[in-house]
Amino acid sequence: MYTPRFNQVDDEAEIRRMVAEARVAWLVTAAPDGVPQASLLPIIWRPGDGGRGENGTVIAHLARANRHWRAITNGAPALLIVTGPDAYIHPGWYAAKAEAGKVVPTWNYSAVHLSGPITVHDDPEWLRAAVTELTELHESGRSDAWAVTDAPPEYLDMQLSGIVGIEVAVEKVEGKAKLSQNRSEADRRGVVAGLATEPFPGAEAVAAAMTSGLSDPRG
């Protein structure tokens, strides 16, 4: 991922927060013939163990009917792309436009890339544990939280037979937040104000992320 120095996110806690908020990732792999394939999957990024797996592992699952998993070779490299909020940046929002006019449009966004060797799991107990973990994460805090054990055992077995598990041992972690950090504070304030008028999804979240980096948001 192309990441200029001022856009790098190096803090592990912040990167894990970004992934946890997104909750899904694009799994990208290349088949033996070199053709790339991608699937959007709910994920859990497990913590590392302090040793070889210091960056942890990501677990997910694919529908068995999805041919993507058949093109995966165990141990082959895989990329997980986690995307955060994004928004178009209108050049008229920059204070610099009135001063010199030397401005152009851009796009602000946040993203995390996790990469490492992939393994496909077909063991029913591994799948049951993974689905239980994913379910508990996304049902947590709901007053009517659903549990895997709520489903009839034979129905659950049938559903589990229709998926395969995915595990990526994370060897490389890249975090990026492109939030106009290379612009003046006046320009960034102008962008925040401009984003507040946008009707598009993501604009409010990008503005909030930018505001947290200003010296005095009330400015």
C-alpha atoms as a PDB file:
ATOM      1  CA  MET A   1       0.000   0.000   0.000  1.00  0.00           C
ATOM      2  CA  TYR A   2       1.398   3.408  -0.965  1.00  0.00           C
ATOM      3  CA  THR A   3       1.635   5.343   2.288  1.00  0.00           C
ATOM      4  CA  PRO A   4       3.439   8.671   2.583  1.00  0.00           C
ATOM      5  CA  ARG A   5       5.049   9.215   5.980  1.00  0.00           C
ATOM      6  CA  PHE A   6       2.409  11.696   7.164  1.00  0.00           C
ATOM      7  CA  ASN A   7      -0.404   9.213   6.388  1.00  0.00           C
ATOM      8  CA  GLN A   8       1.099   6.244   8.222  1.00  0.00           C
ATOM      9  CA  VAL A   9      -0.736   4.724  11.176  1.00  0.00           C
ATOM     10  CA  ASP A  10       1.831   2.892  13.296  1.00  0.00           C
ATOM     11  CA  ASP A  11       0.009   2.474  16.590  1.00  0.00           C
ATOM     12  CA  GLU A  12      -1.175  -1.145  16.864  1.00  0.00           C
ATOM     13  CA  ALA A  13      -4.099  -0.284  19.125  1.00  0.00           C
ATOM     14  CA  GLU A  14      -5.342   2.289  16.611  1.00  0.00           C
ATOM     15  CA  ILE A  15      -4.973  -0.130  13.688  1.00  0.00           C
ATOM     16  CA  ARG A  16      -6.865  -2.827  15.581  1.00  0.00           C
ATOM     17  CA  ARG A  17      -9.597  -0.286  16.372  1.00  0.00           C
ATOM     18  CA  MET A  18      -9.898   0.534  12.671  1.00  0.00           C
ATOM     19  CA  VAL A  19     -10.265  -3.151  11.813  1.00  0.00           C
ATOM     20  CA  ALA A  20     -12.747  -3.789  14.632  1.00  0.00           C
ATOM     21  CA  GLU A  21     -14.925  -0.875  13.503  1.00  0.00           C
ATOM     22  CA  ALA A  22     -14.956  -2.031   9.875  1.00  0.00           C
ATOM     23  CA  ARG A  23     -15.759  -5.665  10.870  1.00  0.00           C
ATOM     24  CA  VAL A  24     -15.292  -6.903   7.293  1.00  0.00           C
ATOM     25  CA  ALA A  25     -12.404  -7.204   4.851  1.00  0.00           C
ATOM     26  CA  TRP A  26     -11.813  -8.015   1.213  1.00  0.00           C
ATOM     27  CA  LEU A  27      -9.855 -11.260   0.989  1.00  0.00           C
ATOM     28  CA  VAL A  28      -7.636 -11.145  -2.095  1.00  0.00           C
ATOM     29  CA  THR A  29      -5.678 -14.138  -3.350  1.00  0.00           C
ATOM     30  CA  ALA A  30      -4.194 -15.241  -6.650  1.00  0.00           C
ATOM     31  CA  ALA A  31      -4.926 -18.633  -8.187  1.00  0.00           C
ATOM     32  CA  PRO A  32      -2.027 -20.785  -9.467  1.00  0.00           C
ATOM     33  CA  ASP A  33      -2.653 -19.284 -12.922  1.00  0.00           C
ATOM     34  CA  GLY A  34      -2.096 -15.793 -11.487  1.00  0.00           C
ATOM     35  CA  VAL A  35      -5.706 -14.654 -11.773  1.00  0.00           C
ATOM     36  CA  PRO A  36      -6.706 -12.678  -8.633  1.00  0.00           C
ATOM     37  CA  GLN A  37      -9.952 -13.339  -6.800  1.00  0.00           C
ATOM     38  CA  ALA A  38     -11.627 -11.325  -4.041  1.00  0.00           C
ATOM     39  CA  SER A  39     -14.424 -11.949  -1.532  1.00  0.00           C
ATOM     40  CA  LEU A  40     -15.860  -9.642   1.145  1.00  0.00           C
ATOM     41  CA  LEU A  41     -15.935 -11.469   4.484  1.00  0.00           C
ATOM     42  CA  PRO A  42     -16.769 -10.745   8.136  1.00  0.00           C
ATOM     43  CA  ILE A  43     -13.536 -11.221  10.076  1.00  0.00           C
ATOM     44  CA  ILE A  44     -12.019 -11.500  13.515  1.00  0.00           C
ATOM     45  CA  TRP A  45      -8.411 -10.441  14.022  1.00  0.00           C
ATOM     46  CA  ARG A  46      -7.155 -12.527  16.914  1.00  0.00           C
ATOM     47  CA  PRO A  47      -4.284 -11.130  19.000  1.00  0.00           C
ATOM     48  CA  GLY A  48      -0.767 -12.456  18.587  1.00  0.00           C
ATOM     49  CA  ASP A  49       0.980 -14.842  20.927  1.00  0.00           C
ATOM     50  CA  GLY A  50       4.191 -12.859  21.258  1.00  0.00           C
ATOM     51  CA  GLY A  51       6.167 -15.371  19.202  1.00  0.00           C
ATOM     52  CA  ARG A  52       6.131 -16.224  15.542  1.00  0.00           C
ATOM     53  CA  GLY A  53       2.484 -15.209  15.358  1.00  0.00           C
ATOM     54  CA  GLU A  54       3.104 -11.843  17.029  1.00  0.00           C
ATOM     55  CA  ASN A  55       0.710 -10.084  14.638  1.00  0.00           C
ATOM     56  CA  GLY A  56      -2.080 -12.565  15.267  1.00  0.00           C
ATOM     57  CA  THR A  57      -4.363 -14.385  12.869  1.00  0.00           C
ATOM     58  CA  VAL A  58      -7.511 -13.446  10.995  1.00  0.00           C
ATOM     59  CA  ILE A  59     -10.361 -15.939  10.779  1.00  0.00           C
ATOM     60  CA  ALA A  60     -13.331 -15.908   8.437  1.00  0.00           C
ATOM     61  CA  HIS A  61     -15.316 -18.304   6.271  1.00  0.00           C
ATOM     62  CA  LEU A  62     -16.424 -18.648   2.669  1.00  0.00           C
ATOM     63  CA  ALA A  63     -19.506 -20.283   1.228  1.00  0.00           C
ATOM     64  CA  ARG A  64     -18.565 -23.705  -0.113  1.00  0.00           C
ATOM     65  CA  ALA A  65     -20.364 -22.736  -3.323  1.00  0.00           C
ATOM     66  CA  ASN A  66     -17.949 -19.807  -3.738  1.00  0.00           C
ATOM     67  CA  ARG A  67     -15.240 -21.072  -6.091  1.00  0.00           C
ATOM     68  CA  HIS A  68     -12.735 -18.675  -4.572  1.00  0.00           C
ATOM     69  CA  TRP A  69     -11.626 -21.153  -1.911  1.00  0.00           C
ATOM     70  CA  ARG A  70     -10.908 -23.859  -4.486  1.00  0.00           C
ATOM     71  CA  ALA A  71      -8.318 -21.576  -6.081  1.00  0.00           C
ATOM     72  CA  ILE A  72      -6.453 -21.115  -2.775  1.00  0.00           C
ATOM     73  CA  THR A  73      -3.266 -23.054  -2.113  1.00  0.00           C
ATOM     74  CA  ASN A  74      -2.520 -23.489   1.582  1.00  0.00           C
ATOM     75  CA  GLY A  75       0.493 -21.413   2.535  1.00  0.00           C
ATOM     76  CA  ALA A  76       0.092 -19.037  -0.405  1.00  0.00           C
ATOM     77  CA  PRO A  77       0.175 -15.282   0.289  1.00  0.00           C
ATOM     78  CA  ALA A  78      -3.121 -13.539   0.942  1.00  0.00           C
ATOM     79  CA  LEU A  79      -4.126  -9.911   1.391  1.00  0.00           C
ATOM     80  CA  LEU A  80      -6.964  -8.622   3.555  1.00  0.00           C
ATOM     81  CA  ILE A  81      -8.114  -5.104   2.709  1.00  0.00           C
ATOM     82  CA  VAL A  82     -10.028  -3.316   5.447  1.00  0.00           C
ATOM     83  CA  THR A  83     -11.576  -0.013   4.398  1.00  0.00           C
ATOM     84  CA  GLY A  84     -12.706   2.770   6.689  1.00  0.00           C
ATOM     85  CA  PRO A  85     -14.796   5.866   5.896  1.00  0.00           C
ATOM     86  CA  ASP A  86     -13.930   7.845   2.777  1.00  0.00           C
ATOM     87  CA  ALA A  87     -15.032  11.107   1.165  1.00  0.00           C
ATOM     88  CA  TYR A  88     -14.399  13.334  -1.853  1.00  0.00           C
ATOM     89  CA  ILE A  89     -12.564  16.554  -1.014  1.00  0.00           C
ATOM     90  CA  HIS A  90     -13.764  19.600  -2.984  1.00  0.00           C
ATOM     91  CA  PRO A  91     -10.851  22.005  -3.696  1.00  0.00           C
ATOM     92  CA  GLY A  92     -13.061  25.010  -2.940  1.00  0.00           C
ATOM     93  CA  TRP A  93     -12.960  24.079   0.731  1.00  0.00           C
ATOM     94  CA  TYR A  94      -9.264  24.910   1.016  1.00  0.00           C
ATOM     95  CA  ALA A  95      -8.301  28.330   2.326  1.00  0.00           C
ATOM     96  CA  ALA A  96      -5.414  28.134  -0.148  1.00  0.00           C
ATOM     97  CA  LYS A  97      -7.823  28.353  -3.078  1.00  0.00           C
ATOM     98  CA  ALA A  98      -8.584  31.989  -2.334  1.00  0.00           C
ATOM     99  CA  GLU A  99      -4.919  32.748  -1.725  1.00  0.00           C
ATOM    100  CA  ALA A 100      -3.264  31.296  -4.820  1.00  0.00           C
ATOM    101  CA  GLY A 101      -5.710  28.931  -6.509  1.00  0.00           C
ATOM    102  CA  LYS A 102      -3.114  26.129  -6.499  1.00  0.00           C
ATOM    103  CA  VAL A 103      -5.462  23.351  -5.355  1.00  0.00           C
ATOM    104  CA  VAL A 104      -6.966  20.220  -6.881  1.00  0.00           C
ATOM    105  CA  PRO A 105      -9.595  17.697  -5.747  1.00  0.00           C
ATOM    106  CA  THR A 106      -8.593  14.611  -3.793  1.00  0.00           C
ATOM    107  CA  TRP A 107     -10.094  11.762  -1.778  1.00  0.00           C
ATOM    108  CA  ASN A 108      -9.625  11.206   1.943  1.00  0.00           C
ATOM    109  CA  TYR A 109      -9.876   7.722   3.415  1.00  0.00           C
ATOM    110  CA  SER A 110      -8.559   5.220   5.937  1.00  0.00           C
ATOM    111  CA  ALA A 111      -7.491   1.647   5.274  1.00  0.00           C
ATOM    112  CA  VAL A 112      -5.624  -1.293   6.786  1.00  0.00           C
ATOM    113  CA  HIS A 113      -3.855  -4.039   4.860  1.00  0.00           C
ATOM    114  CA  LEU A 114      -3.131  -7.352   6.586  1.00  0.00           C
ATOM    115  CA  SER A 115      -1.128  -9.930   4.696  1.00  0.00           C
ATOM    116  CA  GLY A 116       0.382 -13.361   5.247  1.00  0.00           C
ATOM    117  CA  PRO A 117       0.025 -17.054   4.399  1.00  0.00           C
ATOM    118  CA  ILE A 118      -3.506 -18.442   4.137  1.00  0.00           C
ATOM    119  CA  THR A 119      -4.980 -21.778   5.217  1.00  0.00           C
ATOM    120  CA  VAL A 120      -8.341 -23.264   4.250  1.00  0.00           C
ATOM    121  CA  HIS A 121     -10.071 -25.237   7.030  1.00  0.00           C
ATOM    122  CA  ASP A 122     -12.651 -27.938   6.389  1.00  0.00           C
ATOM    123  CA  ASP A 123     -12.770 -29.476   9.865  1.00  0.00           C
ATOM    124  CA  PRO A 124     -16.308 -29.250  11.321  1.00  0.00           C
ATOM    125  CA  GLU A 125     -15.105 -28.478  14.846  1.00  0.00           C
ATOM    126  CA  TRP A 126     -12.789 -25.696  13.627  1.00  0.00           C
ATOM    127  CA  LEU A 127     -15.689 -24.240  11.663  1.00  0.00           C
ATOM    128  CA  ARG A 128     -18.055 -24.490  14.626  1.00  0.00           C
ATOM    129  CA  ALA A 129     -15.580 -22.684  16.881  1.00  0.00           C
ATOM    130  CA  ALA A 130     -14.949 -19.963  14.284  1.00  0.00           C
ATOM    131  CA  VAL A 131     -18.642 -19.368  13.610  1.00  0.00           C
ATOM    132  CA  THR A 132     -19.340 -19.280  17.349  1.00  0.00           C
ATOM    133  CA  GLU A 133     -16.584 -16.699  17.868  1.00  0.00           C
ATOM    134  CA  LEU A 134     -17.823 -14.525  14.997  1.00  0.00           C
ATOM    135  CA  THR A 135     -21.417 -14.773  16.211  1.00  0.00           C
ATOM    136  CA  GLU A 136     -20.557 -13.854  19.796  1.00  0.00           C
ATOM    137  CA  LEU A 137     -18.639 -10.810  18.565  1.00  0.00           C
ATOM    138  CA  HIS A 138     -21.458  -9.425  16.425  1.00  0.00           C
ATOM    139  CA  GLU A 139     -24.294 -10.376  18.784  1.00  0.00           C
ATOM    140  CA  SER A 140     -22.574  -8.896  21.828  1.00  0.00           C
ATOM    141  CA  GLY A 141     -24.640  -6.217  23.558  1.00  0.00           C
ATOM    142  CA  ARG A 142     -27.932  -7.057  21.841  1.00  0.00           C
ATOM    143  CA  SER A 143     -30.920  -7.536  24.152  1.00  0.00           C
ATOM    144  CA  ASP A 144     -32.091 -10.441  21.994  1.00  0.00           C
ATOM    145  CA  ALA A 145     -28.620 -11.816  21.238  1.00  0.00           C
ATOM    146  CA  TRP A 146     -28.650 -14.949  19.097  1.00  0.00           C
ATOM    147  CA  ALA A 147     -26.317 -17.850  19.884  1.00  0.00           C
ATOM    148  CA  VAL A 148     -25.151 -20.683  17.663  1.00  0.00           C
ATOM    149  CA  THR A 149     -26.720 -23.099  20.131  1.00  0.00           C
ATOM    150  CA  ASP A 150     -30.139 -21.521  19.480  1.00  0.00           C
ATOM    151  CA  ALA A 151     -30.330 -23.373  16.164  1.00  0.00           C
ATOM    152  CA  PRO A 152     -31.350 -27.059  16.060  1.00  0.00           C
ATOM    153  CA  PRO A 153     -28.184 -29.221  15.988  1.00  0.00           C
ATOM    154  CA  GLU A 154     -29.060 -30.939  12.713  1.00  0.00           C
ATOM    155  CA  TYR A 155     -29.806 -27.587  11.049  1.00  0.00           C
ATOM    156  CA  LEU A 156     -26.527 -26.135  12.303  1.00  0.00           C
ATOM    157  CA  ASP A 157     -24.603 -29.164  11.014  1.00  0.00           C
ATOM    158  CA  MET A 158     -26.174 -28.644   7.603  1.00  0.00           C
ATOM    159  CA  GLN A 159     -25.239 -24.959   7.591  1.00  0.00           C
ATOM    160  CA  LEU A 160     -21.664 -25.710   8.638  1.00  0.00           C
ATOM    161  CA  SER A 161     -21.332 -28.209   5.804  1.00  0.00           C
ATOM    162  CA  GLY A 162     -22.004 -25.331   3.414  1.00  0.00           C
ATOM    163  CA  ILE A 163     -18.930 -23.281   4.388  1.00  0.00           C
ATOM    164  CA  VAL A 164     -15.153 -23.566   4.581  1.00  0.00           C
ATOM    165  CA  GLY A 165     -12.940 -21.775   7.065  1.00  0.00           C
ATOM    166  CA  ILE A 166     -10.256 -19.221   6.254  1.00  0.00           C
ATOM    167  CA  GLU A 167      -7.257 -18.387   8.444  1.00  0.00           C
ATOM    168  CA  VAL A 168      -4.553 -15.854   7.596  1.00  0.00           C
ATOM    169  CA  ALA A 169      -1.402 -15.704   9.721  1.00  0.00           C
ATOM    170  CA  VAL A 170      -0.706 -11.971   9.711  1.00  0.00           C
ATOM    171  CA  GLU A 171       2.924 -11.264   8.885  1.00  0.00           C
ATOM    172  CA  LYS A 172       2.590  -7.673   7.695  1.00  0.00           C
ATOM    173  CA  VAL A 173       0.366  -4.885   8.989  1.00  0.00           C
ATOM    174  CA  GLU A 174      -0.070  -1.571   7.160  1.00  0.00           C
ATOM    175  CA  GLY A 175      -2.276   1.247   8.403  1.00  0.00           C
ATOM    176  CA  LYS A 176      -3.100   4.411   6.483  1.00  0.00           C
ATOM    177  CA  ALA A 177      -5.205   7.467   7.283  1.00  0.00           C
ATOM    178  CA  LYS A 178      -5.224  10.028   4.472  1.00  0.00           C
ATOM    179  CA  LEU A 179      -6.811  12.993   6.246  1.00  0.00           C
ATOM    180  CA  SER A 180      -5.190  16.066   4.655  1.00  0.00           C
ATOM    181  CA  GLN A 181      -2.298  15.927   7.136  1.00  0.00           C
ATOM    182  CA  ASN A 182      -0.050  17.576   4.527  1.00  0.00           C
ATOM    183  CA  ARG A 183      -2.306  20.638   4.308  1.00  0.00           C
ATOM    184  CA  SER A 184      -2.275  23.736   6.534  1.00  0.00           C
ATOM    185  CA  GLU A 185      -4.561  23.854   9.546  1.00  0.00           C
ATOM    186  CA  ALA A 186      -6.671  26.476   7.778  1.00  0.00           C
ATOM    187  CA  ASP A 187      -7.122  24.128   4.827  1.00  0.00           C
ATOM    188  CA  ARG A 188      -8.043  21.242   7.107  1.00  0.00           C
ATOM    189  CA  ARG A 189     -10.596  23.349   8.952  1.00  0.00           C
ATOM    190  CA  GLY A 190     -12.094  24.291   5.609  1.00  0.00           C
ATOM    191  CA  VAL A 191     -12.367  20.629   4.643  1.00  0.00           C
ATOM    192  CA  VAL A 192     -14.049  19.734   7.939  1.00  0.00           C
ATOM    193  CA  ALA A 193     -16.575  22.530   7.447  1.00  0.00           C
ATOM    194  CA  GLY A 194     -17.187  21.478   3.861  1.00  0.00           C
ATOM    195  CA  LEU A 195     -17.673  17.816   4.734  1.00  0.00           C
ATOM    196  CA  ALA A 196     -20.377  18.853   7.205  1.00  0.00           C
ATOM    197  CA  THR A 197     -22.500  19.940   4.233  1.00  0.00           C
ATOM    198  CA  GLU A 198     -22.055  16.721   2.243  1.00  0.00           C
ATOM    199  CA  PRO A 199     -24.948  14.217   1.983  1.00  0.00           C
ATOM    200  CA  PHE A 200     -22.741  11.257   1.140  1.00  0.00           C
ATOM    201  CA  PRO A 201     -22.011   8.344   3.502  1.00  0.00           C
ATOM    202  CA  GLY A 202     -18.590   8.612   5.071  1.00  0.00           C
ATOM    203  CA  ALA A 203     -18.306  12.396   4.976  1.00  0.00           C
ATOM    204  CA  GLU A 204     -19.288  12.847   8.624  1.00  0.00           C
ATOM    205  CA  ALA A 205     -16.906  10.117   9.793  1.00  0.00           C
ATOM    206  CA  VAL A 206     -14.008  11.555   7.775  1.00  0.00           C
ATOM    207  CA  ALA A 207     -14.742  15.007   9.231  1.00  0.00           C
ATOM    208  CA  ALA A 208     -14.742  13.572  12.754  1.00  0.00           C
ATOM    209  CA  ALA A 209     -11.401  11.861  12.169  1.00  0.00           C
ATOM    210  CA  MET A 210      -9.924  15.084  10.826  1.00  0.00           C
ATOM    211  CA  THR A 211     -11.330  17.152  13.701  1.00  0.00           C
ATOM    212  CA  SER A 212      -9.533  14.990  16.249  1.00  0.00           C
ATOM    213  CA  GLY A 213      -6.259  16.109  14.682  1.00  0.00           C
ATOM    214  CA  LEU A 214      -6.896  19.841  14.891  1.00  0.00           C
ATOM    215  CA  SER A 215      -5.281  21.868  17.673  1.00  0.00           C
ATOM    216  CA  ASP A 216      -8.615  23.390  18.756  1.00  0.00           C
ATOM    217  CA  PRO A 217     -11.687  21.907  16.985  1.00  0.00           C
ATOM    218  CA  ARG A 218     -13.755  24.932  18.095  1.00  0.00           C
ATOM    219  CA  GLY A 219     -11.214  27.184  16.346  1.00  0.00           C
END
